[in-house]
Amino acid sequence: MRKLFLITALFLLGLASTGFAQEKSADEVARELANPNNSLASLTFKIQYRTYTGDLPGADDQGNYTLLFQPVFPFALAPTESGGSANLFFRPAFPILFDQPTFDASKGDFDGVTGLGDIGFDIGYGVTEKSGLLWAFGVVGTLPTATDSDIAGKQLRLGPEALFAKFEKWGLYGFFPSHQWNVTNSDDREHYSTSQAQLFLVFLPGGGWSVGTTPTINYDWHSEDWTIPLNLTVSKTTMFKTTPVKLQCEINYYIEQPDAFGPEWMISFNITPVVTNFIDRLIRGN
């Protein structure tokens, strides 16, 4: 099954990239992709491997793969009064979990579950000012789409998100907080309330390269558990014929996680081709 999903992902990557022509250099595209408010349409495939730790029996022996597919098709809007470029964006994330460890209390051991997880998304309005200031606001959510009850949140979750960042000649830095609550009446998970904040500090030395740290911190207000990683991310944007493709490696080491069970390491290899924004063209009738 893993091979099937990987082959499908590579097929979609090649199909979506066909016919795209990009006049910008790889370095220009790398700088634009570093902007969370960028106007480029792209398809991101993330192949992630996680190991776990915790107090539950066998927790330290657990690991799993996740294939995450994140398409982005922003819709360009009229410039702001200050001359900033504005975009409306919808960014879904489709996770396919392979051997996701779930604890069976009756057996006192873990089972591995493979299937589609809950789909995450955000919808927002973002502006890039001429000064390099970036800001955005919107709604973040999670849909109860998991194909197995052991990996399902079983509820619709929604909440606000915001972005505050600044572009400099050397790169960018910023802060991307969000929060989600359960907005449905779920019996055993009714009090879901989790905050998330992504911090980023990214250097753009040129040649299509970027290096930085982009940790995502989580806090569960119900269980009062933190999940905090140390993160290192390195990427290279290059041209495959006329198609820009961003290749990225990411490693996380978690210095804080729930005591019972949580991630210890996460290694990810990401492929992001820049593609034709057919949705924008369809809406505009081009």
C-alpha atoms as a PDB file:
ATOM      1  CA  MET A   1       0.000   0.000   0.000  1.00  0.00           C
ATOM      2  CA  ARG A   2       2.885   2.376   0.737  1.00  0.00           C
ATOM      3  CA  LYS A   3       4.271   1.875  -2.754  1.00  0.00           C
ATOM      4  CA  LEU A   4       0.848   2.516  -4.271  1.00  0.00           C
ATOM      5  CA  PHE A   5       0.445   5.867  -2.517  1.00  0.00           C
ATOM      6  CA  LEU A   6       4.001   6.951  -3.332  1.00  0.00           C
ATOM      7  CA  ILE A   7       3.559   6.053  -7.004  1.00  0.00           C
ATOM      8  CA  THR A   8       0.246   7.938  -7.054  1.00  0.00           C
ATOM      9  CA  ALA A   9       1.874  10.998  -5.483  1.00  0.00           C
ATOM     10  CA  LEU A  10       4.687  11.034  -8.017  1.00  0.00           C
ATOM     11  CA  PHE A  11       2.186  10.604 -10.856  1.00  0.00           C
ATOM     12  CA  LEU A  12       0.103  13.549  -9.639  1.00  0.00           C
ATOM     13  CA  LEU A  13       3.259  15.634  -9.270  1.00  0.00           C
ATOM     14  CA  GLY A  14       4.225  15.009 -12.881  1.00  0.00           C
ATOM     15  CA  LEU A  15       0.688  15.513 -14.171  1.00  0.00           C
ATOM     16  CA  ALA A  16       0.169  18.797 -12.360  1.00  0.00           C
ATOM     17  CA  SER A  17       3.511  20.168 -13.487  1.00  0.00           C
ATOM     18  CA  THR A  18       2.902  19.519 -17.178  1.00  0.00           C
ATOM     19  CA  GLY A  19       2.592  22.623 -19.274  1.00  0.00           C
ATOM     20  CA  PHE A  20       3.691  25.085 -16.601  1.00  0.00           C
ATOM     21  CA  ALA A  21       6.048  27.808 -17.715  1.00  0.00           C
ATOM     22  CA  GLN A  22       7.938  29.903 -15.160  1.00  0.00           C
ATOM     23  CA  GLU A  23       9.890  32.989 -16.189  1.00  0.00           C
ATOM     24  CA  LYS A  24      11.369  33.595 -12.722  1.00  0.00           C
ATOM     25  CA  SER A  25      14.688  32.114 -11.647  1.00  0.00           C
ATOM     26  CA  ALA A  26      14.902  29.314  -9.096  1.00  0.00           C
ATOM     27  CA  ASP A  27      16.253  31.804  -6.552  1.00  0.00           C
ATOM     28  CA  GLU A  28      13.303  34.165  -7.079  1.00  0.00           C
ATOM     29  CA  VAL A  29      10.875  31.285  -6.712  1.00  0.00           C
ATOM     30  CA  ALA A  30      12.638  30.105  -3.541  1.00  0.00           C
ATOM     31  CA  ARG A  31      12.226  33.549  -2.009  1.00  0.00           C
ATOM     32  CA  GLU A  32       8.554  33.693  -3.001  1.00  0.00           C
ATOM     33  CA  LEU A  33       7.835  30.208  -1.651  1.00  0.00           C
ATOM     34  CA  ALA A  34       9.338  31.253   1.687  1.00  0.00           C
ATOM     35  CA  ASN A  35       6.537  33.820   1.954  1.00  0.00           C
ATOM     36  CA  PRO A  36       3.452  32.278   3.675  1.00  0.00           C
ATOM     37  CA  ASN A  37       1.326  34.756   1.657  1.00  0.00           C
ATOM     38  CA  ASN A  38       2.864  33.856  -1.713  1.00  0.00           C
ATOM     39  CA  SER A  39       0.699  33.854  -4.842  1.00  0.00           C
ATOM     40  CA  LEU A  40       2.157  30.688  -6.409  1.00  0.00           C
ATOM     41  CA  ALA A  41       0.039  27.578  -6.887  1.00  0.00           C
ATOM     42  CA  SER A  42       1.841  24.500  -5.618  1.00  0.00           C
ATOM     43  CA  LEU A  43       1.449  20.856  -4.623  1.00  0.00           C
ATOM     44  CA  THR A  44       3.373  19.667  -1.582  1.00  0.00           C
ATOM     45  CA  PHE A  45       3.989  16.000  -0.821  1.00  0.00           C
ATOM     46  CA  LYS A  46       5.487  15.270   2.598  1.00  0.00           C
ATOM     47  CA  ILE A  47       6.828  11.840   3.510  1.00  0.00           C
ATOM     48  CA  GLN A  48       7.224  11.855   7.287  1.00  0.00           C
ATOM     49  CA  TYR A  49       8.701   9.273   9.666  1.00  0.00           C
ATOM     50  CA  ARG A  50       8.045   9.545  13.418  1.00  0.00           C
ATOM     51  CA  THR A  51       9.335   7.722  16.449  1.00  0.00           C
ATOM     52  CA  TYR A  52       7.630   7.930  19.830  1.00  0.00           C
ATOM     53  CA  THR A  53       8.287   7.842  23.550  1.00  0.00           C
ATOM     54  CA  GLY A  54       6.217   7.756  26.727  1.00  0.00           C
ATOM     55  CA  ASP A  55       5.188   5.902  29.870  1.00  0.00           C
ATOM     56  CA  LEU A  56       2.809   3.453  28.157  1.00  0.00           C
ATOM     57  CA  PRO A  57       4.168  -0.105  27.707  1.00  0.00           C
ATOM     58  CA  GLY A  58       6.080  -0.349  24.425  1.00  0.00           C
ATOM     59  CA  ALA A  59       5.841   3.379  23.688  1.00  0.00           C
ATOM     60  CA  ASP A  60       9.573   3.694  22.933  1.00  0.00           C
ATOM     61  CA  ASP A  61       9.349   0.958  20.269  1.00  0.00           C
ATOM     62  CA  GLN A  62       6.695   2.708  18.155  1.00  0.00           C
ATOM     63  CA  GLY A  63       7.158   4.412  14.783  1.00  0.00           C
ATOM     64  CA  ASN A  64       5.112   5.201  11.695  1.00  0.00           C
ATOM     65  CA  TYR A  65       5.047   6.880   8.279  1.00  0.00           C
ATOM     66  CA  THR A  66       2.686   9.617   7.109  1.00  0.00           C
ATOM     67  CA  LEU A  67       2.107  10.822   3.555  1.00  0.00           C
ATOM     68  CA  LEU A  68       0.736  14.362   3.670  1.00  0.00           C
ATOM     69  CA  PHE A  69      -0.623  16.040   0.538  1.00  0.00           C
ATOM     70  CA  GLN A  70      -1.079  19.837   0.656  1.00  0.00           C
ATOM     71  CA  PRO A  71      -2.339  21.605  -2.502  1.00  0.00           C
ATOM     72  CA  VAL A  72      -2.368  25.418  -2.487  1.00  0.00           C
ATOM     73  CA  PHE A  73      -4.199  27.505  -5.102  1.00  0.00           C
ATOM     74  CA  PRO A  74      -4.279  31.164  -3.967  1.00  0.00           C
ATOM     75  CA  PHE A  75      -6.613  33.699  -5.534  1.00  0.00           C
ATOM     76  CA  ALA A  76      -5.019  37.098  -6.184  1.00  0.00           C
ATOM     77  CA  LEU A  77      -7.083  40.100  -5.031  1.00  0.00           C
ATOM     78  CA  ALA A  78      -6.832  43.813  -5.712  1.00  0.00           C
ATOM     79  CA  PRO A  79      -3.854  45.562  -4.069  1.00  0.00           C
ATOM     80  CA  THR A  80      -4.440  47.220  -0.712  1.00  0.00           C
ATOM     81  CA  GLU A  81      -4.598  51.021  -0.326  1.00  0.00           C
ATOM     82  CA  SER A  82      -0.970  50.935   0.824  1.00  0.00           C
ATOM     83  CA  GLY A  83       0.045  49.091  -2.363  1.00  0.00           C
ATOM     84  CA  GLY A  84       0.486  45.673  -0.776  1.00  0.00           C
ATOM     85  CA  SER A  85      -0.307  42.490  -2.709  1.00  0.00           C
ATOM     86  CA  ALA A  86      -3.279  40.543  -1.334  1.00  0.00           C
ATOM     87  CA  ASN A  87      -4.326  36.902  -1.673  1.00  0.00           C
ATOM     88  CA  LEU A  88      -7.254  34.759  -0.645  1.00  0.00           C
ATOM     89  CA  PHE A  89      -6.102  31.217   0.075  1.00  0.00           C
ATOM     90  CA  PHE A  90      -7.552  27.812   0.917  1.00  0.00           C
ATOM     91  CA  ARG A  91      -4.998  25.217   2.063  1.00  0.00           C
ATOM     92  CA  PRO A  92      -6.230  21.683   2.790  1.00  0.00           C
ATOM     93  CA  ALA A  93      -3.965  18.922   4.131  1.00  0.00           C
ATOM     94  CA  PHE A  94      -4.763  15.258   3.433  1.00  0.00           C
ATOM     95  CA  PRO A  95      -2.900  12.844   5.764  1.00  0.00           C
ATOM     96  CA  ILE A  96      -2.531   9.143   4.973  1.00  0.00           C
ATOM     97  CA  LEU A  97      -1.212   7.268   8.008  1.00  0.00           C
ATOM     98  CA  PHE A  98       0.737   4.013   7.799  1.00  0.00           C
ATOM     99  CA  ASP A  99       0.931   1.824  10.919  1.00  0.00           C
ATOM    100  CA  GLN A 100      -0.120   4.693  13.189  1.00  0.00           C
ATOM    101  CA  PRO A 101       0.364   3.363  16.749  1.00  0.00           C
ATOM    102  CA  THR A 102      -2.795   3.271  18.885  1.00  0.00           C
ATOM    103  CA  PHE A 103      -2.845   1.870  22.420  1.00  0.00           C
ATOM    104  CA  ASP A 104      -5.268  -0.950  23.229  1.00  0.00           C
ATOM    105  CA  ALA A 105      -5.844  -0.813  27.002  1.00  0.00           C
ATOM    106  CA  SER A 106      -7.485  -4.239  27.033  1.00  0.00           C
ATOM    107  CA  LYS A 107      -4.316  -5.862  25.659  1.00  0.00           C
ATOM    108  CA  GLY A 108      -1.854  -3.443  27.236  1.00  0.00           C
ATOM    109  CA  ASP A 109      -0.125  -3.072  23.869  1.00  0.00           C
ATOM    110  CA  PHE A 110      -0.105  -1.011  20.662  1.00  0.00           C
ATOM    111  CA  ASP A 111      -1.824  -1.755  17.360  1.00  0.00           C
ATOM    112  CA  GLY A 112      -0.855  -0.239  13.996  1.00  0.00           C
ATOM    113  CA  VAL A 113      -3.589   1.493  11.979  1.00  0.00           C
ATOM    114  CA  THR A 114      -3.350   2.442   8.294  1.00  0.00           C
ATOM    115  CA  GLY A 115      -5.845   4.819   6.710  1.00  0.00           C
ATOM    116  CA  LEU A 116      -6.866   8.373   5.894  1.00  0.00           C
ATOM    117  CA  GLY A 117      -6.682  10.706   8.902  1.00  0.00           C
ATOM    118  CA  ASP A 118      -8.709  13.798   9.698  1.00  0.00           C
ATOM    119  CA  ILE A 119      -8.278  16.452   6.989  1.00  0.00           C
ATOM    120  CA  GLY A 120      -6.990  19.828   8.165  1.00  0.00           C
ATOM    121  CA  PHE A 121      -7.464  23.129   6.357  1.00  0.00           C
ATOM    122  CA  ASP A 122      -7.216  26.882   6.656  1.00  0.00           C
ATOM    123  CA  ILE A 123      -8.937  29.707   4.794  1.00  0.00           C
ATOM    124  CA  GLY A 124      -7.496  33.184   5.015  1.00  0.00           C
ATOM    125  CA  TYR A 125      -6.706  36.604   3.668  1.00  0.00           C
ATOM    126  CA  GLY A 126      -3.035  37.549   3.463  1.00  0.00           C
ATOM    127  CA  VAL A 127      -1.176  40.733   2.541  1.00  0.00           C
ATOM    128  CA  THR A 128       2.476  41.345   1.659  1.00  0.00           C
ATOM    129  CA  GLU A 129       3.281  45.026   2.118  1.00  0.00           C
ATOM    130  CA  LYS A 130       5.938  46.798   0.047  1.00  0.00           C
ATOM    131  CA  SER A 131       7.933  47.285   3.257  1.00  0.00           C
ATOM    132  CA  GLY A 132       8.274  43.485   3.604  1.00  0.00           C
ATOM    133  CA  LEU A 133       5.701  43.251   6.390  1.00  0.00           C
ATOM    134  CA  LEU A 134       3.494  40.166   6.107  1.00  0.00           C
ATOM    135  CA  TRP A 135       0.153  39.756   7.834  1.00  0.00           C
ATOM    136  CA  ALA A 136      -2.848  37.489   7.473  1.00  0.00           C
ATOM    137  CA  PHE A 137      -5.909  36.310   9.320  1.00  0.00           C
ATOM    138  CA  GLY A 138      -8.378  33.504   8.753  1.00  0.00           C
ATOM    139  CA  VAL A 139     -10.003  30.328   9.990  1.00  0.00           C
ATOM    140  CA  VAL A 140      -8.300  27.001  10.676  1.00  0.00           C
ATOM    141  CA  GLY A 141     -10.169  23.730  11.018  1.00  0.00           C
ATOM    142  CA  THR A 142     -10.194  19.932  11.095  1.00  0.00           C
ATOM    143  CA  LEU A 143     -12.761  17.713   9.369  1.00  0.00           C
ATOM    144  CA  PRO A 144     -13.788  14.303  10.841  1.00  0.00           C
ATOM    145  CA  THR A 145     -12.758  12.288   7.781  1.00  0.00           C
ATOM    146  CA  ALA A 146     -10.631   9.513   9.317  1.00  0.00           C
ATOM    147  CA  THR A 147     -11.367   6.040   7.949  1.00  0.00           C
ATOM    148  CA  ASP A 148     -10.640   4.281  11.252  1.00  0.00           C
ATOM    149  CA  SER A 149     -12.167   5.207  14.612  1.00  0.00           C
ATOM    150  CA  ASP A 150      -8.844   4.667  16.428  1.00  0.00           C
ATOM    151  CA  ILE A 151      -7.232   7.593  14.576  1.00  0.00           C
ATOM    152  CA  ALA A 152     -10.341   9.779  14.369  1.00  0.00           C
ATOM    153  CA  GLY A 153     -11.015  13.002  16.226  1.00  0.00           C
ATOM    154  CA  LYS A 154     -14.747  12.382  15.587  1.00  0.00           C
ATOM    155  CA  GLN A 155     -15.607  16.066  15.564  1.00  0.00           C
ATOM    156  CA  LEU A 156     -15.523  19.252  13.535  1.00  0.00           C
ATOM    157  CA  ARG A 157     -12.935  21.685  14.918  1.00  0.00           C
ATOM    158  CA  LEU A 158     -12.666  25.362  14.045  1.00  0.00           C
ATOM    159  CA  GLY A 159     -10.856  28.437  15.285  1.00  0.00           C
ATOM    160  CA  PRO A 160      -8.945  31.614  14.359  1.00  0.00           C
ATOM    161  CA  GLU A 161      -5.470  32.002  12.910  1.00  0.00           C
ATOM    162  CA  ALA A 162      -3.194  34.968  12.268  1.00  0.00           C
ATOM    163  CA  LEU A 163       0.211  35.665  10.718  1.00  0.00           C
ATOM    164  CA  PHE A 164       2.771  38.324  11.628  1.00  0.00           C
ATOM    165  CA  ALA A 165       6.098  38.256   9.776  1.00  0.00           C
ATOM    166  CA  LYS A 166       8.772  40.411   8.161  1.00  0.00           C
ATOM    167  CA  PHE A 167      10.854  39.923   5.027  1.00  0.00           C
ATOM    168  CA  GLU A 168      14.451  41.153   5.088  1.00  0.00           C
ATOM    169  CA  LYS A 169      17.203  40.959   2.474  1.00  0.00           C
ATOM    170  CA  TRP A 170      18.695  37.935   4.278  1.00  0.00           C
ATOM    171  CA  GLY A 171      15.396  36.068   4.751  1.00  0.00           C
ATOM    172  CA  LEU A 172      12.361  36.326   7.015  1.00  0.00           C
ATOM    173  CA  TYR A 173      11.112  35.766  10.538  1.00  0.00           C
ATOM    174  CA  GLY A 174       7.622  35.529  11.970  1.00  0.00           C
ATOM    175  CA  PHE A 175       4.928  34.033  14.138  1.00  0.00           C
ATOM    176  CA  PHE A 176       1.866  32.033  12.998  1.00  0.00           C
ATOM    177  CA  PRO A 177      -0.537  31.298  15.903  1.00  0.00           C
ATOM    178  CA  SER A 178      -3.885  29.493  15.726  1.00  0.00           C
ATOM    179  CA  HIS A 179      -6.418  27.800  17.994  1.00  0.00           C
ATOM    180  CA  GLN A 180      -9.101  25.159  17.505  1.00  0.00           C
ATOM    181  CA  TRP A 181     -12.153  24.172  19.533  1.00  0.00           C
ATOM    182  CA  ASN A 182     -14.630  21.360  19.086  1.00  0.00           C
ATOM    183  CA  VAL A 183     -17.775  22.906  17.543  1.00  0.00           C
ATOM    184  CA  THR A 184     -19.826  19.699  17.555  1.00  0.00           C
ATOM    185  CA  ASN A 185     -21.354  17.718  20.416  1.00  0.00           C
ATOM    186  CA  SER A 186     -18.926  14.824  20.778  1.00  0.00           C
ATOM    187  CA  ASP A 187     -19.508  12.749  23.889  1.00  0.00           C
ATOM    188  CA  ASP A 188     -16.009  11.818  25.065  1.00  0.00           C
ATOM    189  CA  ARG A 189     -13.955  14.603  23.406  1.00  0.00           C
ATOM    190  CA  GLU A 190     -16.273  17.533  23.972  1.00  0.00           C
ATOM    191  CA  HIS A 191     -13.695  19.723  25.680  1.00  0.00           C
ATOM    192  CA  TYR A 192     -11.116  19.771  22.875  1.00  0.00           C
ATOM    193  CA  SER A 193      -9.204  23.060  22.974  1.00  0.00           C
ATOM    194  CA  THR A 194      -5.708  23.230  21.476  1.00  0.00           C
ATOM    195  CA  SER A 195      -3.438  26.130  20.575  1.00  0.00           C
ATOM    196  CA  GLN A 196      -0.714  25.939  17.947  1.00  0.00           C
ATOM    197  CA  ALA A 197       2.035  28.375  17.055  1.00  0.00           C
ATOM    198  CA  GLN A 198       4.603  28.082  14.279  1.00  0.00           C
ATOM    199  CA  LEU A 199       7.733  30.179  14.718  1.00  0.00           C
ATOM    200  CA  PHE A 200       9.985  30.668  11.738  1.00  0.00           C
ATOM    201  CA  LEU A 201      13.423  32.091  11.099  1.00  0.00           C
ATOM    202  CA  VAL A 202      14.561  31.393   7.531  1.00  0.00           C
ATOM    203  CA  PHE A 203      17.786  32.448   5.814  1.00  0.00           C
ATOM    204  CA  LEU A 204      17.928  32.769   2.001  1.00  0.00           C
ATOM    205  CA  PRO A 205      21.614  32.708   1.013  1.00  0.00           C
ATOM    206  CA  GLY A 206      20.880  32.529  -2.738  1.00  0.00           C
ATOM    207  CA  GLY A 207      21.119  29.876  -5.405  1.00  0.00           C
ATOM    208  CA  GLY A 208      17.650  28.605  -4.550  1.00  0.00           C
ATOM    209  CA  TRP A 209      18.748  27.542  -1.054  1.00  0.00           C
ATOM    210  CA  SER A 210      17.043  28.202   2.242  1.00  0.00           C
ATOM    211  CA  VAL A 211      17.942  27.098   5.754  1.00  0.00           C
ATOM    212  CA  GLY A 212      16.215  27.836   9.006  1.00  0.00           C
ATOM    213  CA  THR A 213      14.045  26.685  11.835  1.00  0.00           C
ATOM    214  CA  THR A 214      10.236  26.425  11.689  1.00  0.00           C
ATOM    215  CA  PRO A 215       9.083  24.636  14.871  1.00  0.00           C
ATOM    216  CA  THR A 216       5.369  24.119  15.506  1.00  0.00           C
ATOM    217  CA  ILE A 217       4.447  24.235  19.193  1.00  0.00           C
ATOM    218  CA  ASN A 218       1.188  22.755  20.522  1.00  0.00           C
ATOM    219  CA  TYR A 219      -0.587  23.198  23.840  1.00  0.00           C
ATOM    220  CA  ASP A 220      -3.623  21.118  24.859  1.00  0.00           C
ATOM    221  CA  TRP A 221      -5.707  23.208  27.286  1.00  0.00           C
ATOM    222  CA  HIS A 222      -7.727  20.171  28.390  1.00  0.00           C
ATOM    223  CA  SER A 223      -4.831  17.848  29.297  1.00  0.00           C
ATOM    224  CA  GLU A 224      -2.377  20.729  29.925  1.00  0.00           C
ATOM    225  CA  ASP A 225       0.244  19.001  27.744  1.00  0.00           C
ATOM    226  CA  TRP A 226       2.909  20.763  25.660  1.00  0.00           C
ATOM    227  CA  THR A 227       4.446  19.380  22.452  1.00  0.00           C
ATOM    228  CA  ILE A 228       7.622  21.335  21.632  1.00  0.00           C
ATOM    229  CA  PRO A 229      10.184  20.437  18.935  1.00  0.00           C
ATOM    230  CA  LEU A 230      13.639  21.661  18.046  1.00  0.00           C
ATOM    231  CA  ASN A 231      13.539  22.021  14.276  1.00  0.00           C
ATOM    232  CA  LEU A 232      16.006  22.321  11.402  1.00  0.00           C
ATOM    233  CA  THR A 233      14.842  22.767   7.796  1.00  0.00           C
ATOM    234  CA  VAL A 234      16.991  22.878   4.640  1.00  0.00           C
ATOM    235  CA  SER A 235      15.593  23.283   1.128  1.00  0.00           C
ATOM    236  CA  LYS A 236      16.729  23.757  -2.443  1.00  0.00           C
ATOM    237  CA  THR A 237      14.550  25.115  -5.256  1.00  0.00           C
ATOM    238  CA  THR A 238      15.603  23.988  -8.686  1.00  0.00           C
ATOM    239  CA  MET A 239      14.214  23.916 -12.215  1.00  0.00           C
ATOM    240  CA  PHE A 240      13.034  20.693 -13.851  1.00  0.00           C
ATOM    241  CA  LYS A 241      12.784  21.915 -17.438  1.00  0.00           C
ATOM    242  CA  THR A 242      10.381  24.880 -17.001  1.00  0.00           C
ATOM    243  CA  THR A 243       8.904  23.743 -13.673  1.00  0.00           C
ATOM    244  CA  PRO A 244      10.299  25.030 -10.351  1.00  0.00           C
ATOM    245  CA  VAL A 245      10.439  22.313  -7.685  1.00  0.00           C
ATOM    246  CA  LYS A 246      11.320  22.839  -4.043  1.00  0.00           C
ATOM    247  CA  LEU A 247      13.092  19.891  -2.378  1.00  0.00           C
ATOM    248  CA  GLN A 248      13.174  20.055   1.402  1.00  0.00           C
ATOM    249  CA  CYS A 249      14.470  18.022   4.328  1.00  0.00           C
ATOM    250  CA  GLU A 250      13.180  18.651   7.842  1.00  0.00           C
ATOM    251  CA  ILE A 251      14.119  17.152  11.199  1.00  0.00           C
ATOM    252  CA  ASN A 252      12.384  17.631  14.546  1.00  0.00           C
ATOM    253  CA  TYR A 253      13.529  16.494  17.980  1.00  0.00           C
ATOM    254  CA  TYR A 254      10.818  16.884  20.620  1.00  0.00           C
ATOM    255  CA  ILE A 255      12.032  18.244  23.927  1.00  0.00           C
ATOM    256  CA  GLU A 256       8.512  18.174  25.393  1.00  0.00           C
ATOM    257  CA  GLN A 257       5.585  15.828  24.743  1.00  0.00           C
ATOM    258  CA  PRO A 258       2.692  14.239  26.698  1.00  0.00           C
ATOM    259  CA  ASP A 259       4.038  11.937  29.414  1.00  0.00           C
ATOM    260  CA  ALA A 260       1.954   8.914  28.415  1.00  0.00           C
ATOM    261  CA  PHE A 261       2.731   8.941  24.687  1.00  0.00           C
ATOM    262  CA  GLY A 262       4.073  11.465  22.207  1.00  0.00           C
ATOM    263  CA  PRO A 263       6.539  12.025  19.343  1.00  0.00           C
ATOM    264  CA  GLU A 264      10.290  11.904  19.955  1.00  0.00           C
ATOM    265  CA  TRP A 265      11.716  12.382  16.433  1.00  0.00           C
ATOM    266  CA  MET A 266      10.165  13.380  13.105  1.00  0.00           C
ATOM    267  CA  ILE A 267      12.071  13.340   9.820  1.00  0.00           C
ATOM    268  CA  SER A 268      10.367  14.615   6.681  1.00  0.00           C
ATOM    269  CA  PHE A 269      11.270  14.767   3.001  1.00  0.00           C
ATOM    270  CA  ASN A 270       9.088  17.240   1.085  1.00  0.00           C
ATOM    271  CA  ILE A 271       8.591  17.790  -2.649  1.00  0.00           C
ATOM    272  CA  THR A 272       6.805  20.947  -3.836  1.00  0.00           C
ATOM    273  CA  PRO A 273       6.332  21.584  -7.565  1.00  0.00           C
ATOM    274  CA  VAL A 274       5.003  25.004  -8.577  1.00  0.00           C
ATOM    275  CA  VAL A 275       2.063  24.402 -10.923  1.00  0.00           C
ATOM    276  CA  THR A 276      -0.390  26.266 -13.136  1.00  0.00           C
ATOM    277  CA  ASN A 277      -3.091  27.956 -11.062  1.00  0.00           C
ATOM    278  CA  PHE A 278      -6.006  26.578 -13.071  1.00  0.00           C
ATOM    279  CA  ILE A 279      -8.490  27.476 -10.323  1.00  0.00           C
ATOM    280  CA  ASP A 280      -7.586  31.166 -10.518  1.00  0.00           C
ATOM    281  CA  ARG A 281      -7.814  31.022 -14.326  1.00  0.00           C
ATOM    282  CA  LEU A 282     -11.170  29.243 -14.159  1.00  0.00           C
ATOM    283  CA  ILE A 283     -12.638  31.855 -11.800  1.00  0.00           C
ATOM    284  CA  ARG A 284     -11.344  34.739 -13.905  1.00  0.00           C
ATOM    285  CA  GLY A 285     -12.397  33.084 -17.160  1.00  0.00           C
ATOM    286  CA  ASN A 286      -8.880  33.182 -18.653  1.00  0.00           C
END
